[in-house]
Amino acid sequence: MSIERIEIGPRMSQAVIHNHTIYLAGQVASDDAGPGVYDQTCSALAAIDRLLAAGGSDKSRLLSVTIWLTDMDTFGEMNRAWDGWVVAGATPARATVLSARLAAPQYRVEIGVVAAQS
């Protein structure tokens, strides 16, 4: 089986495809998203949409999602963005985890995705 990598970097690829399954690196907000968890979640979800499209898939094909939050008091903010984005009837298995820290102090949410190719 071949392995395809998307946006290969020195430390990691943003997406890896194997056996018609797409594995995304954890996605965080773009630099211009601002400090709020709602806006950061929307920004991370937009990055997920872009990477899934590059891999030949979309959010209706999500299998599993893990969401890391630095503060569980922002769970509702994150869910407000999530609920407006996720496809009704095609919701993935999902876990939301409290994380003490993410890769940089400005990040308050990170989202990891596994999806099937279309």
PDB file of N, CA and C in Angstrom:
ATOM      1  N   MET A   1       0.838  -1.176   0.000  1.00  0.00           N
ATOM      2  CA  MET A   1       0.000   0.000   0.000  1.00  0.00           C
ATOM      3  C   MET A   1       0.885   1.243   0.000  1.00  0.00           C
ATOM      4  N   SER A   2       0.500   2.188  -0.805  1.00  0.00           N
ATOM      5  CA  SER A   2       1.253   3.436  -0.842  1.00  0.00           C
ATOM      6  C   SER A   2       0.811   4.352   0.295  1.00  0.00           C
ATOM      7  N   ILE A   3       1.686   5.269   0.638  1.00  0.00           N
ATOM      8  CA  ILE A   3       1.400   6.288   1.641  1.00  0.00           C
ATOM      9  C   ILE A   3       1.602   7.635   0.963  1.00  0.00           C
ATOM     10  N   GLU A   4       0.595   8.498   1.050  1.00  0.00           N
ATOM     11  CA  GLU A   4       0.680   9.847   0.492  1.00  0.00           C
ATOM     12  C   GLU A   4       0.734  10.835   1.647  1.00  0.00           C
ATOM     13  N   ARG A   5       1.588  11.839   1.531  1.00  0.00           N
ATOM     14  CA  ARG A   5       1.718  12.866   2.561  1.00  0.00           C
ATOM     15  C   ARG A   5       1.394  14.227   1.957  1.00  0.00           C
ATOM     16  N   ILE A   6       0.696  15.043   2.718  1.00  0.00           N
ATOM     17  CA  ILE A   6       0.289  16.376   2.275  1.00  0.00           C
ATOM     18  C   ILE A   6       0.929  17.404   3.193  1.00  0.00           C
ATOM     19  N   GLU A   7       1.474  18.457   2.592  1.00  0.00           N
ATOM     20  CA  GLU A   7       2.149  19.526   3.332  1.00  0.00           C
ATOM     21  C   GLU A   7       3.212  18.945   4.268  1.00  0.00           C
ATOM     22  N   ILE A   8       4.195  18.335   3.644  1.00  0.00           N
ATOM     23  CA  ILE A   8       5.290  17.694   4.373  1.00  0.00           C
ATOM     24  C   ILE A   8       6.207  18.767   4.955  1.00  0.00           C
ATOM     25  N   GLY A   9       6.491  18.668   6.218  1.00  0.00           N
ATOM     26  CA  GLY A   9       7.412  19.579   6.890  1.00  0.00           C
ATOM     27  C   GLY A   9       8.567  18.805   7.474  1.00  0.00           C
ATOM     28  N   PRO A  10       9.517  19.501   8.062  1.00  0.00           N
ATOM     29  CA  PRO A  10      10.688  18.825   8.625  1.00  0.00           C
ATOM     30  C   PRO A  10      10.353  17.962   9.842  1.00  0.00           C
ATOM     31  N   ARG A  11       9.275  18.304  10.545  1.00  0.00           N
ATOM     32  CA  ARG A  11       8.917  17.586  11.766  1.00  0.00           C
ATOM     33  C   ARG A  11       7.700  16.692  11.584  1.00  0.00           C
ATOM     34  N   MET A  12       6.789  17.112  10.699  1.00  0.00           N
ATOM     35  CA  MET A  12       5.551  16.351  10.514  1.00  0.00           C
ATOM     36  C   MET A  12       4.890  16.758   9.211  1.00  0.00           C
ATOM     37  N   SER A  13       3.992  15.914   8.756  1.00  0.00           N
ATOM     38  CA  SER A  13       3.121  16.236   7.629  1.00  0.00           C
ATOM     39  C   SER A  13       1.778  16.666   8.199  1.00  0.00           C
ATOM     40  N   GLN A  14       1.089  17.543   7.482  1.00  0.00           N
ATOM     41  CA  GLN A  14      -0.224  17.982   7.947  1.00  0.00           C
ATOM     42  C   GLN A  14      -1.290  16.916   7.731  1.00  0.00           C
ATOM     43  N   ALA A  15      -1.067  16.038   6.755  1.00  0.00           N
ATOM     44  CA  ALA A  15      -1.996  14.934   6.514  1.00  0.00           C
ATOM     45  C   ALA A  15      -1.226  13.758   5.925  1.00  0.00           C
ATOM     46  N   VAL A  16      -1.652  12.560   6.287  1.00  0.00           N
ATOM     47  CA  VAL A  16      -1.089  11.320   5.747  1.00  0.00           C
ATOM     48  C   VAL A  16      -2.264  10.442   5.328  1.00  0.00           C
ATOM     49  N   ILE A  17      -2.172   9.904   4.119  1.00  0.00           N
ATOM     50  CA  ILE A  17      -3.237   9.049   3.587  1.00  0.00           C
ATOM     51  C   ILE A  17      -2.686   7.647   3.379  1.00  0.00           C
ATOM     52  N   HIS A  18      -3.390   6.675   3.934  1.00  0.00           N
ATOM     53  CA  HIS A  18      -3.023   5.268   3.767  1.00  0.00           C
ATOM     54  C   HIS A  18      -4.300   4.444   3.760  1.00  0.00           C
ATOM     55  N   ASN A  19      -4.403   3.552   2.804  1.00  0.00           N
ATOM     56  CA  ASN A  19      -5.540   2.640   2.737  1.00  0.00           C
ATOM     57  C   ASN A  19      -6.880   3.387   2.761  1.00  0.00           C
ATOM     58  N   HIS A  20      -6.966   4.479   2.009  1.00  0.00           N
ATOM     59  CA  HIS A  20      -8.180   5.290   1.864  1.00  0.00           C
ATOM     60  C   HIS A  20      -8.625   5.952   3.170  1.00  0.00           C
ATOM     61  N   THR A  21      -7.682   6.115   4.098  1.00  0.00           N
ATOM     62  CA  THR A  21      -7.948   6.803   5.356  1.00  0.00           C
ATOM     63  C   THR A  21      -7.005   7.992   5.463  1.00  0.00           C
ATOM     64  N   ILE A  22      -7.542   9.144   5.872  1.00  0.00           N
ATOM     65  CA  ILE A  22      -6.766  10.374   6.008  1.00  0.00           C
ATOM     66  C   ILE A  22      -6.574  10.661   7.494  1.00  0.00           C
ATOM     67  N   TYR A  23      -5.326  10.826   7.880  1.00  0.00           N
ATOM     68  CA  TYR A  23      -4.962  11.160   9.250  1.00  0.00           C
ATOM     69  C   TYR A  23      -4.420  12.585   9.245  1.00  0.00           C
ATOM     70  N   LEU A  24      -5.073  13.490   9.957  1.00  0.00           N
ATOM     71  CA  LEU A  24      -4.601  14.868  10.007  1.00  0.00           C
ATOM     72  C   LEU A  24      -3.795  15.105  11.269  1.00  0.00           C
ATOM     73  N   ALA A  25      -2.759  15.928  11.145  1.00  0.00           N
ATOM     74  CA  ALA A  25      -2.057  16.425  12.324  1.00  0.00           C
ATOM     75  C   ALA A  25      -3.036  17.305  13.094  1.00  0.00           C
ATOM     76  N   GLY A  26      -2.783  17.503  14.360  1.00  0.00           N
ATOM     77  CA  GLY A  26      -3.631  18.400  15.140  1.00  0.00           C
ATOM     78  C   GLY A  26      -3.646  19.784  14.510  1.00  0.00           C
ATOM     79  N   GLN A  27      -4.843  20.334  14.326  1.00  0.00           N
ATOM     80  CA  GLN A  27      -4.987  21.640  13.692  1.00  0.00           C
ATOM     81  C   GLN A  27      -5.335  22.688  14.741  1.00  0.00           C
ATOM     82  N   VAL A  28      -4.638  23.810  14.644  1.00  0.00           N
ATOM     83  CA  VAL A  28      -4.872  24.940  15.530  1.00  0.00           C
ATOM     84  C   VAL A  28      -5.278  26.145  14.693  1.00  0.00           C
ATOM     85  N   ALA A  29      -5.630  27.219  15.360  1.00  0.00           N
ATOM     86  CA  ALA A  29      -6.072  28.432  14.680  1.00  0.00           C
ATOM     87  C   ALA A  29      -4.934  29.093  13.921  1.00  0.00           C
ATOM     88  N   SER A  30      -5.299  29.812  12.865  1.00  0.00           N
ATOM     89  CA  SER A  30      -4.327  30.645  12.160  1.00  0.00           C
ATOM     90  C   SER A  30      -3.961  31.824  13.066  1.00  0.00           C
ATOM     91  N   ASP A  31      -2.877  32.496  12.742  1.00  0.00           N
ATOM     92  CA  ASP A  31      -2.379  33.591  13.580  1.00  0.00           C
ATOM     93  C   ASP A  31      -3.364  34.741  13.719  1.00  0.00           C
ATOM     94  N   ASP A  32      -4.256  34.911  12.758  1.00  0.00           N
ATOM     95  CA  ASP A  32      -5.182  36.043  12.805  1.00  0.00           C
ATOM     96  C   ASP A  32      -6.542  35.699  13.428  1.00  0.00           C
ATOM     97  N   ALA A  33      -6.667  34.535  14.037  1.00  0.00           N
ATOM     98  CA  ALA A  33      -7.960  34.088  14.563  1.00  0.00           C
ATOM     99  C   ALA A  33      -8.368  34.804  15.848  1.00  0.00           C
ATOM    100  N   GLY A  34      -7.438  35.320  16.600  1.00  0.00           N
ATOM    101  CA  GLY A  34      -7.771  35.961  17.866  1.00  0.00           C
ATOM    102  C   GLY A  34      -7.732  34.986  19.027  1.00  0.00           C
ATOM    103  N   PRO A  35      -7.963  35.499  20.239  1.00  0.00           N
ATOM    104  CA  PRO A  35      -7.788  34.665  21.434  1.00  0.00           C
ATOM    105  C   PRO A  35      -8.997  33.821  21.827  1.00  0.00           C
ATOM    106  N   GLY A  36     -10.193  34.120  21.298  1.00  0.00           N
ATOM    107  CA  GLY A  36     -11.388  33.409  21.729  1.00  0.00           C
ATOM    108  C   GLY A  36     -11.464  31.991  21.195  1.00  0.00           C
ATOM    109  N   VAL A  37     -11.981  31.083  22.004  1.00  0.00           N
ATOM    110  CA  VAL A  37     -12.065  29.676  21.610  1.00  0.00           C
ATOM    111  C   VAL A  37     -13.030  29.474  20.445  1.00  0.00           C
ATOM    112  N   TYR A  38     -14.111  30.232  20.398  1.00  0.00           N
ATOM    113  CA  TYR A  38     -15.025  30.107  19.264  1.00  0.00           C
ATOM    114  C   TYR A  38     -14.294  30.419  17.961  1.00  0.00           C
ATOM    115  N   ASP A  39     -13.621  31.556  17.902  1.00  0.00           N
ATOM    116  CA  ASP A  39     -12.902  31.953  16.687  1.00  0.00           C
ATOM    117  C   ASP A  39     -11.758  31.003  16.376  1.00  0.00           C
ATOM    118  N   GLN A  40     -11.042  30.562  17.402  1.00  0.00           N
ATOM    119  CA  GLN A  40      -9.948  29.616  17.167  1.00  0.00           C
ATOM    120  C   GLN A  40     -10.484  28.285  16.646  1.00  0.00           C
ATOM    121  N   THR A  41     -11.613  27.841  17.167  1.00  0.00           N
ATOM    122  CA  THR A  41     -12.208  26.591  16.689  1.00  0.00           C
ATOM    123  C   THR A  41     -12.636  26.734  15.230  1.00  0.00           C
ATOM    124  N   CYS A  42     -13.286  27.844  14.885  1.00  0.00           N
ATOM    125  CA  CYS A  42     -13.691  28.075  13.489  1.00  0.00           C
ATOM    126  C   CYS A  42     -12.482  28.062  12.564  1.00  0.00           C
ATOM    127  N   SER A  43     -11.400  28.658  12.989  1.00  0.00           N
ATOM    128  CA  SER A  43     -10.185  28.706  12.177  1.00  0.00           C
ATOM    129  C   SER A  43      -9.585  27.308  11.998  1.00  0.00           C
ATOM    130  N   ALA A  44      -9.526  26.532  13.076  1.00  0.00           N
ATOM    131  CA  ALA A  44      -9.005  25.165  12.984  1.00  0.00           C
ATOM    132  C   ALA A  44      -9.899  24.304  12.094  1.00  0.00           C
ATOM    133  N   LEU A  45     -11.207  24.479  12.189  1.00  0.00           N
ATOM    134  CA  LEU A  45     -12.133  23.710  11.351  1.00  0.00           C
ATOM    135  C   LEU A  45     -11.974  24.074   9.877  1.00  0.00           C
ATOM    136  N   ALA A  46     -11.694  25.332   9.586  1.00  0.00           N
ATOM    137  CA  ALA A  46     -11.441  25.736   8.194  1.00  0.00           C
ATOM    138  C   ALA A  46     -10.175  25.063   7.666  1.00  0.00           C
ATOM    139  N   ALA A  47      -9.150  24.945   8.510  1.00  0.00           N
ATOM    140  CA  ALA A  47      -7.923  24.240   8.106  1.00  0.00           C
ATOM    141  C   ALA A  47      -8.221  22.769   7.847  1.00  0.00           C
ATOM    142  N   ILE A  48      -9.075  22.182   8.660  1.00  0.00           N
ATOM    143  CA  ILE A  48      -9.470  20.780   8.471  1.00  0.00           C
ATOM    144  C   ILE A  48     -10.209  20.618   7.144  1.00  0.00           C
ATOM    145  N   ASP A  49     -11.135  21.517   6.851  1.00  0.00           N
ATOM    146  CA  ASP A  49     -11.842  21.466   5.557  1.00  0.00           C
ATOM    147  C   ASP A  49     -10.851  21.486   4.402  1.00  0.00           C
ATOM    148  N   ARG A  50      -9.874  22.381   4.469  1.00  0.00           N
ATOM    149  CA  ARG A  50      -8.882  22.532   3.401  1.00  0.00           C
ATOM    150  C   ARG A  50      -8.054  21.259   3.235  1.00  0.00           C
ATOM    151  N   LEU A  51      -7.585  20.696   4.342  1.00  0.00           N
ATOM    152  CA  LEU A  51      -6.756  19.486   4.264  1.00  0.00           C
ATOM    153  C   LEU A  51      -7.561  18.275   3.800  1.00  0.00           C
ATOM    154  N   LEU A  52      -8.791  18.153   4.267  1.00  0.00           N
ATOM    155  CA  LEU A  52      -9.628  17.040   3.807  1.00  0.00           C
ATOM    156  C   LEU A  52      -9.868  17.134   2.302  1.00  0.00           C
ATOM    157  N   ALA A  53     -10.136  18.332   1.804  1.00  0.00           N
ATOM    158  CA  ALA A  53     -10.331  18.519   0.364  1.00  0.00           C
ATOM    159  C   ALA A  53      -9.065  18.137  -0.400  1.00  0.00           C
ATOM    160  N   ALA A  54      -7.907  18.515   0.112  1.00  0.00           N
ATOM    161  CA  ALA A  54      -6.636  18.169  -0.543  1.00  0.00           C
ATOM    162  C   ALA A  54      -6.420  16.661  -0.569  1.00  0.00           C
ATOM    163  N   GLY A  55      -7.002  15.962   0.407  1.00  0.00           N
ATOM    164  CA  GLY A  55      -6.870  14.512   0.473  1.00  0.00           C
ATOM    165  C   GLY A  55      -8.004  13.759  -0.198  1.00  0.00           C
ATOM    166  N   GLY A  56      -8.923  14.479  -0.831  1.00  0.00           N
ATOM    167  CA  GLY A  56     -10.023  13.816  -1.521  1.00  0.00           C
ATOM    168  C   GLY A  56     -11.154  13.400  -0.603  1.00  0.00           C
ATOM    169  N   SER A  57     -11.465  14.246   0.372  1.00  0.00           N
ATOM    170  CA  SER A  57     -12.536  13.929   1.311  1.00  0.00           C
ATOM    171  C   SER A  57     -13.213  15.223   1.756  1.00  0.00           C
ATOM    172  N   ASP A  58     -14.096  15.097   2.738  1.00  0.00           N
ATOM    173  CA  ASP A  58     -14.752  16.259   3.330  1.00  0.00           C
ATOM    174  C   ASP A  58     -15.282  15.870   4.704  1.00  0.00           C
ATOM    175  N   LYS A  59     -15.851  16.841   5.394  1.00  0.00           N
ATOM    176  CA  LYS A  59     -16.274  16.629   6.785  1.00  0.00           C
ATOM    177  C   LYS A  59     -17.412  15.622   6.934  1.00  0.00           C
ATOM    178  N   SER A  60     -18.095  15.263   5.859  1.00  0.00           N
ATOM    179  CA  SER A  60     -19.132  14.239   5.952  1.00  0.00           C
ATOM    180  C   SER A  60     -18.541  12.839   6.079  1.00  0.00           C
ATOM    181  N   ARG A  61     -17.211  12.723   5.928  1.00  0.00           N
ATOM    182  CA  ARG A  61     -16.528  11.427   5.967  1.00  0.00           C
ATOM    183  C   ARG A  61     -15.677  11.259   7.230  1.00  0.00           C
ATOM    184  N   LEU A  62     -15.896  12.105   8.246  1.00  0.00           N
ATOM    185  CA  LEU A  62     -15.142  12.014   9.497  1.00  0.00           C
ATOM    186  C   LEU A  62     -15.398  10.676  10.185  1.00  0.00           C
ATOM    187  N   LEU A  63     -14.336  10.078  10.690  1.00  0.00           N
ATOM    188  CA  LEU A  63     -14.453   8.839  11.449  1.00  0.00           C
ATOM    189  C   LEU A  63     -14.265   9.088  12.936  1.00  0.00           C
ATOM    190  N   SER A  64     -13.200   9.830  13.271  1.00  0.00           N
ATOM    191  CA  SER A  64     -12.843  10.059  14.663  1.00  0.00           C
ATOM    192  C   SER A  64     -12.232  11.449  14.803  1.00  0.00           C
ATOM    193  N   VAL A  65     -12.587  12.130  15.877  1.00  0.00           N
ATOM    194  CA  VAL A  65     -12.053  13.467  16.156  1.00  0.00           C
ATOM    195  C   VAL A  65     -11.663  13.537  17.629  1.00  0.00           C
ATOM    196  N   THR A  66     -10.504  14.110  17.887  1.00  0.00           N
ATOM    197  CA  THR A  66     -10.079  14.419  19.249  1.00  0.00           C
ATOM    198  C   THR A  66      -9.873  15.920  19.336  1.00  0.00           C
ATOM    199  N   ILE A  67     -10.461  16.520  20.365  1.00  0.00           N
ATOM    200  CA  ILE A  67     -10.352  17.960  20.582  1.00  0.00           C
ATOM    201  C   ILE A  67      -9.677  18.180  21.926  1.00  0.00           C
ATOM    202  N   TRP A  68      -8.623  18.991  21.894  1.00  0.00           N
ATOM    203  CA  TRP A  68      -7.912  19.352  23.118  1.00  0.00           C
ATOM    204  C   TRP A  68      -8.227  20.798  23.451  1.00  0.00           C
ATOM    205  N   LEU A  69      -8.653  21.053  24.691  1.00  0.00           N
ATOM    206  CA  LEU A  69      -8.928  22.402  25.185  1.00  0.00           C
ATOM    207  C   LEU A  69      -7.997  22.699  26.361  1.00  0.00           C
ATOM    208  N   THR A  70      -7.551  23.935  26.458  1.00  0.00           N
ATOM    209  CA  THR A  70      -6.715  24.313  27.601  1.00  0.00           C
ATOM    210  C   THR A  70      -7.551  24.691  28.813  1.00  0.00           C
ATOM    211  N   ASP A  71      -8.867  24.855  28.617  1.00  0.00           N
ATOM    212  CA  ASP A  71      -9.756  25.244  29.702  1.00  0.00           C
ATOM    213  C   ASP A  71     -11.145  24.672  29.414  1.00  0.00           C
ATOM    214  N   MET A  72     -11.619  23.750  30.240  1.00  0.00           N
ATOM    215  CA  MET A  72     -12.923  23.127  30.014  1.00  0.00           C
ATOM    216  C   MET A  72     -14.078  24.107  30.177  1.00  0.00           C
ATOM    217  N   ASP A  73     -13.841  25.267  30.757  1.00  0.00           N
ATOM    218  CA  ASP A  73     -14.885  26.285  30.828  1.00  0.00           C
ATOM    219  C   ASP A  73     -15.228  26.831  29.443  1.00  0.00           C
ATOM    220  N   THR A  74     -14.395  26.541  28.435  1.00  0.00           N
ATOM    221  CA  THR A  74     -14.642  27.001  27.063  1.00  0.00           C
ATOM    222  C   THR A  74     -15.305  25.913  26.205  1.00  0.00           C
ATOM    223  N   PHE A  75     -15.707  24.824  26.830  1.00  0.00           N
ATOM    224  CA  PHE A  75     -16.336  23.704  26.126  1.00  0.00           C
ATOM    225  C   PHE A  75     -17.552  24.160  25.316  1.00  0.00           C
ATOM    226  N   GLY A  76     -18.377  25.013  25.891  1.00  0.00           N
ATOM    227  CA  GLY A  76     -19.568  25.508  25.203  1.00  0.00           C
ATOM    228  C   GLY A  76     -19.220  26.359  23.985  1.00  0.00           C
ATOM    229  N   GLU A  77     -18.198  27.213  24.113  1.00  0.00           N
ATOM    230  CA  GLU A  77     -17.735  28.031  22.977  1.00  0.00           C
ATOM    231  C   GLU A  77     -17.269  27.145  21.830  1.00  0.00           C
ATOM    232  N   MET A  78     -16.480  26.140  22.173  1.00  0.00           N
ATOM    233  CA  MET A  78     -15.979  25.214  21.153  1.00  0.00           C
ATOM    234  C   MET A  78     -17.149  24.485  20.504  1.00  0.00           C
ATOM    235  N   ASN A  79     -18.082  23.995  21.306  1.00  0.00           N
ATOM    236  CA  ASN A  79     -19.228  23.254  20.764  1.00  0.00           C
ATOM    237  C   ASN A  79     -20.117  24.130  19.890  1.00  0.00           C
ATOM    238  N   ARG A  80     -20.213  25.410  20.177  1.00  0.00           N
ATOM    239  CA  ARG A  80     -21.004  26.318  19.339  1.00  0.00           C
ATOM    240  C   ARG A  80     -20.421  26.354  17.928  1.00  0.00           C
ATOM    241  N   ALA A  81     -19.102  26.451  17.816  1.00  0.00           N
ATOM    242  CA  ALA A  81     -18.451  26.426  16.498  1.00  0.00           C
ATOM    243  C   ALA A  81     -18.598  25.049  15.860  1.00  0.00           C
ATOM    244  N   TRP A  82     -18.355  24.000  16.639  1.00  0.00           N
ATOM    245  CA  TRP A  82     -18.445  22.627  16.141  1.00  0.00           C
ATOM    246  C   TRP A  82     -19.837  22.325  15.597  1.00  0.00           C
ATOM    247  N   ASP A  83     -20.871  22.669  16.391  1.00  0.00           N
ATOM    248  CA  ASP A  83     -22.250  22.352  16.000  1.00  0.00           C
ATOM    249  C   ASP A  83     -22.652  23.050  14.706  1.00  0.00           C
ATOM    250  N   GLY A  84     -22.105  24.220  14.443  1.00  0.00           N
ATOM    251  CA  GLY A  84     -22.393  24.926  13.204  1.00  0.00           C
ATOM    252  C   GLY A  84     -21.628  24.385  12.008  1.00  0.00           C
ATOM    253  N   TRP A  85     -20.642  23.554  12.269  1.00  0.00           N
ATOM    254  CA  TRP A  85     -19.762  23.039  11.213  1.00  0.00           C
ATOM    255  C   TRP A  85     -20.037  21.583  10.863  1.00  0.00           C
ATOM    256  N   VAL A  86     -20.224  20.741  11.850  1.00  0.00           N
ATOM    257  CA  VAL A  86     -20.327  19.295  11.632  1.00  0.00           C
ATOM    258  C   VAL A  86     -21.600  18.971  10.837  1.00  0.00           C
ATOM    259  N   VAL A  87     -21.533  17.908  10.040  1.00  0.00           N
ATOM    260  CA  VAL A  87     -22.663  17.494   9.205  1.00  0.00           C
ATOM    261  C   VAL A  87     -23.636  16.660  10.042  1.00  0.00           C
ATOM    262  N   ALA A  88     -24.869  17.131  10.147  1.00  0.00           N
ATOM    263  CA  ALA A  88     -25.895  16.390  10.887  1.00  0.00           C
ATOM    264  C   ALA A  88     -26.061  15.006  10.268  1.00  0.00           C
ATOM    265  N   GLY A  89     -26.130  13.994  11.108  1.00  0.00           N
ATOM    266  CA  GLY A  89     -26.289  12.630  10.632  1.00  0.00           C
ATOM    267  C   GLY A  89     -24.981  11.968  10.219  1.00  0.00           C
ATOM    268  N   ALA A  90     -23.887  12.730  10.219  1.00  0.00           N
ATOM    269  CA  ALA A  90     -22.566  12.178   9.863  1.00  0.00           C
ATOM    270  C   ALA A  90     -21.545  12.547  10.934  1.00  0.00           C
ATOM    271  N   THR A  91     -22.000  12.623  12.173  1.00  0.00           N
ATOM    272  CA  THR A  91     -21.095  12.995  13.258  1.00  0.00           C
ATOM    273  C   THR A  91     -20.129  11.848  13.559  1.00  0.00           C
ATOM    274  N   PRO A  92     -18.864  12.185  13.841  1.00  0.00           N
ATOM    275  CA  PRO A  92     -17.856  11.162  14.090  1.00  0.00           C
ATOM    276  C   PRO A  92     -17.863  10.713  15.550  1.00  0.00           C
ATOM    277  N   ALA A  93     -17.106   9.672  15.827  1.00  0.00           N
ATOM    278  CA  ALA A  93     -16.755   9.379  17.216  1.00  0.00           C
ATOM    279  C   ALA A  93     -15.892  10.551  17.662  1.00  0.00           C
ATOM    280  N   ARG A  94     -16.085  11.053  18.886  1.00  0.00           N
ATOM    281  CA  ARG A  94     -15.372  12.254  19.303  1.00  0.00           C
ATOM    282  C   ARG A  94     -15.007  12.189  20.769  1.00  0.00           C
ATOM    283  N   ALA A  95     -13.829  12.707  21.087  1.00  0.00           N
ATOM    284  CA  ALA A  95     -13.402  12.873  22.470  1.00  0.00           C
ATOM    285  C   ALA A  95     -12.932  14.310  22.638  1.00  0.00           C
ATOM    286  N   THR A  96     -13.263  14.911  23.769  1.00  0.00           N
ATOM    287  CA  THR A  96     -12.760  16.237  24.114  1.00  0.00           C
ATOM    288  C   THR A  96     -11.973  16.094  25.401  1.00  0.00           C
ATOM    289  N   VAL A  97     -10.735  16.586  25.362  1.00  0.00           N
ATOM    290  CA  VAL A  97      -9.789  16.342  26.441  1.00  0.00           C
ATOM    291  C   VAL A  97      -9.258  17.663  26.981  1.00  0.00           C
ATOM    292  N   LEU A  98      -9.118  17.762  28.275  1.00  0.00           N
ATOM    293  CA  LEU A  98      -8.466  18.913  28.892  1.00  0.00           C
ATOM    294  C   LEU A  98      -6.963  18.755  28.750  1.00  0.00           C
ATOM    295  N   SER A  99      -6.339  19.759  28.178  1.00  0.00           N
ATOM    296  CA  SER A  99      -4.891  19.747  27.985  1.00  0.00           C
ATOM    297  C   SER A  99      -4.294  20.867  28.816  1.00  0.00           C
ATOM    298  N   ALA A 100      -3.265  20.576  29.565  1.00  0.00           N
ATOM    299  CA  ALA A 100      -2.629  21.612  30.374  1.00  0.00           C
ATOM    300  C   ALA A 100      -2.039  22.705  29.495  1.00  0.00           C
ATOM    301  N   ARG A 101      -1.412  22.317  28.377  1.00  0.00           N
ATOM    302  CA  ARG A 101      -0.814  23.265  27.444  1.00  0.00           C
ATOM    303  C   ARG A 101      -0.860  22.690  26.047  1.00  0.00           C
ATOM    304  N   LEU A 102      -0.856  23.579  25.070  1.00  0.00           N
ATOM    305  CA  LEU A 102      -0.712  23.175  23.678  1.00  0.00           C
ATOM    306  C   LEU A 102       0.657  23.657  23.210  1.00  0.00           C
ATOM    307  N   ALA A 103       0.943  23.550  21.929  1.00  0.00           N
ATOM    308  CA  ALA A 103       2.288  23.810  21.410  1.00  0.00           C
ATOM    309  C   ALA A 103       2.782  25.236  21.641  1.00  0.00           C
ATOM    310  N   ALA A 104       1.882  26.195  21.693  1.00  0.00           N
ATOM    311  CA  ALA A 104       2.250  27.587  21.948  1.00  0.00           C
ATOM    312  C   ALA A 104       1.178  28.200  22.841  1.00  0.00           C
ATOM    313  N   PRO A 105       1.538  29.169  23.666  1.00  0.00           N
ATOM    314  CA  PRO A 105       0.587  29.686  24.660  1.00  0.00           C
ATOM    315  C   PRO A 105      -0.650  30.369  24.083  1.00  0.00           C
ATOM    316  N   GLN A 106      -0.596  30.852  22.840  1.00  0.00           N
ATOM    317  CA  GLN A 106      -1.768  31.515  22.261  1.00  0.00           C
ATOM    318  C   GLN A 106      -2.846  30.527  21.826  1.00  0.00           C
ATOM    319  N   TYR A 107      -2.494  29.261  21.670  1.00  0.00           N
ATOM    320  CA  TYR A 107      -3.475  28.272  21.241  1.00  0.00           C
ATOM    321  C   TYR A 107      -4.302  27.792  22.425  1.00  0.00           C
ATOM    322  N   ARG A 108      -5.633  27.786  22.233  1.00  0.00           N
ATOM    323  CA  ARG A 108      -6.536  27.345  23.296  1.00  0.00           C
ATOM    324  C   ARG A 108      -7.322  26.112  22.911  1.00  0.00           C
ATOM    325  N   VAL A 109      -7.240  25.726  21.614  1.00  0.00           N
ATOM    326  CA  VAL A 109      -7.933  24.533  21.114  1.00  0.00           C
ATOM    327  C   VAL A 109      -7.108  23.922  19.991  1.00  0.00           C
ATOM    328  N   GLU A 110      -7.084  22.600  19.956  1.00  0.00           N
ATOM    329  CA  GLU A 110      -6.438  21.855  18.880  1.00  0.00           C
ATOM    330  C   GLU A 110      -7.338  20.691  18.518  1.00  0.00           C
ATOM    331  N   ILE A 111      -7.405  20.377  17.219  1.00  0.00           N
ATOM    332  CA  ILE A 111      -8.331  19.342  16.767  1.00  0.00           C
ATOM    333  C   ILE A 111      -7.603  18.354  15.869  1.00  0.00           C
ATOM    334  N   GLY A 112      -7.678  17.072  16.214  1.00  0.00           N
ATOM    335  CA  GLY A 112      -7.103  15.996  15.408  1.00  0.00           C
ATOM    336  C   GLY A 112      -8.226  15.197  14.761  1.00  0.00           C
ATOM    337  N   VAL A 113      -8.013  14.796  13.504  1.00  0.00           N
ATOM    338  CA  VAL A 113      -9.072  14.164  12.712  1.00  0.00           C
ATOM    339  C   VAL A 113      -8.558  12.921  11.989  1.00  0.00           C
ATOM    340  N   VAL A 114      -9.412  11.917  11.924  1.00  0.00           N
ATOM    341  CA  VAL A 114      -9.240  10.771  11.038  1.00  0.00           C
ATOM    342  C   VAL A 114     -10.500  10.709  10.182  1.00  0.00           C
ATOM    343  N   ALA A 115     -10.322  10.599   8.863  1.00  0.00           N
ATOM    344  CA  ALA A 115     -11.470  10.582   7.948  1.00  0.00           C
ATOM    345  C   ALA A 115     -11.252   9.572   6.842  1.00  0.00           C
ATOM    346  N   ALA A 116     -12.339   9.133   6.244  1.00  0.00           N
ATOM    347  CA  ALA A 116     -12.280   8.254   5.085  1.00  0.00           C
ATOM    348  C   ALA A 116     -12.202   9.111   3.826  1.00  0.00           C
ATOM    349  N   GLN A 117     -11.500   8.618   2.819  1.00  0.00           N
ATOM    350  CA  GLN A 117     -11.506   9.298   1.539  1.00  0.00           C
ATOM    351  C   GLN A 117     -12.864   9.101   0.884  1.00  0.00           C
ATOM    352  N   SER A 118     -13.232  10.017   0.035  1.00  0.00           N
ATOM    353  CA  SER A 118     -14.510   9.907  -0.689  1.00  0.00           C
ATOM    354  C   SER A 118     -14.414   8.849  -1.765  1.00  0.00           C
TER     355      SER A 118
END
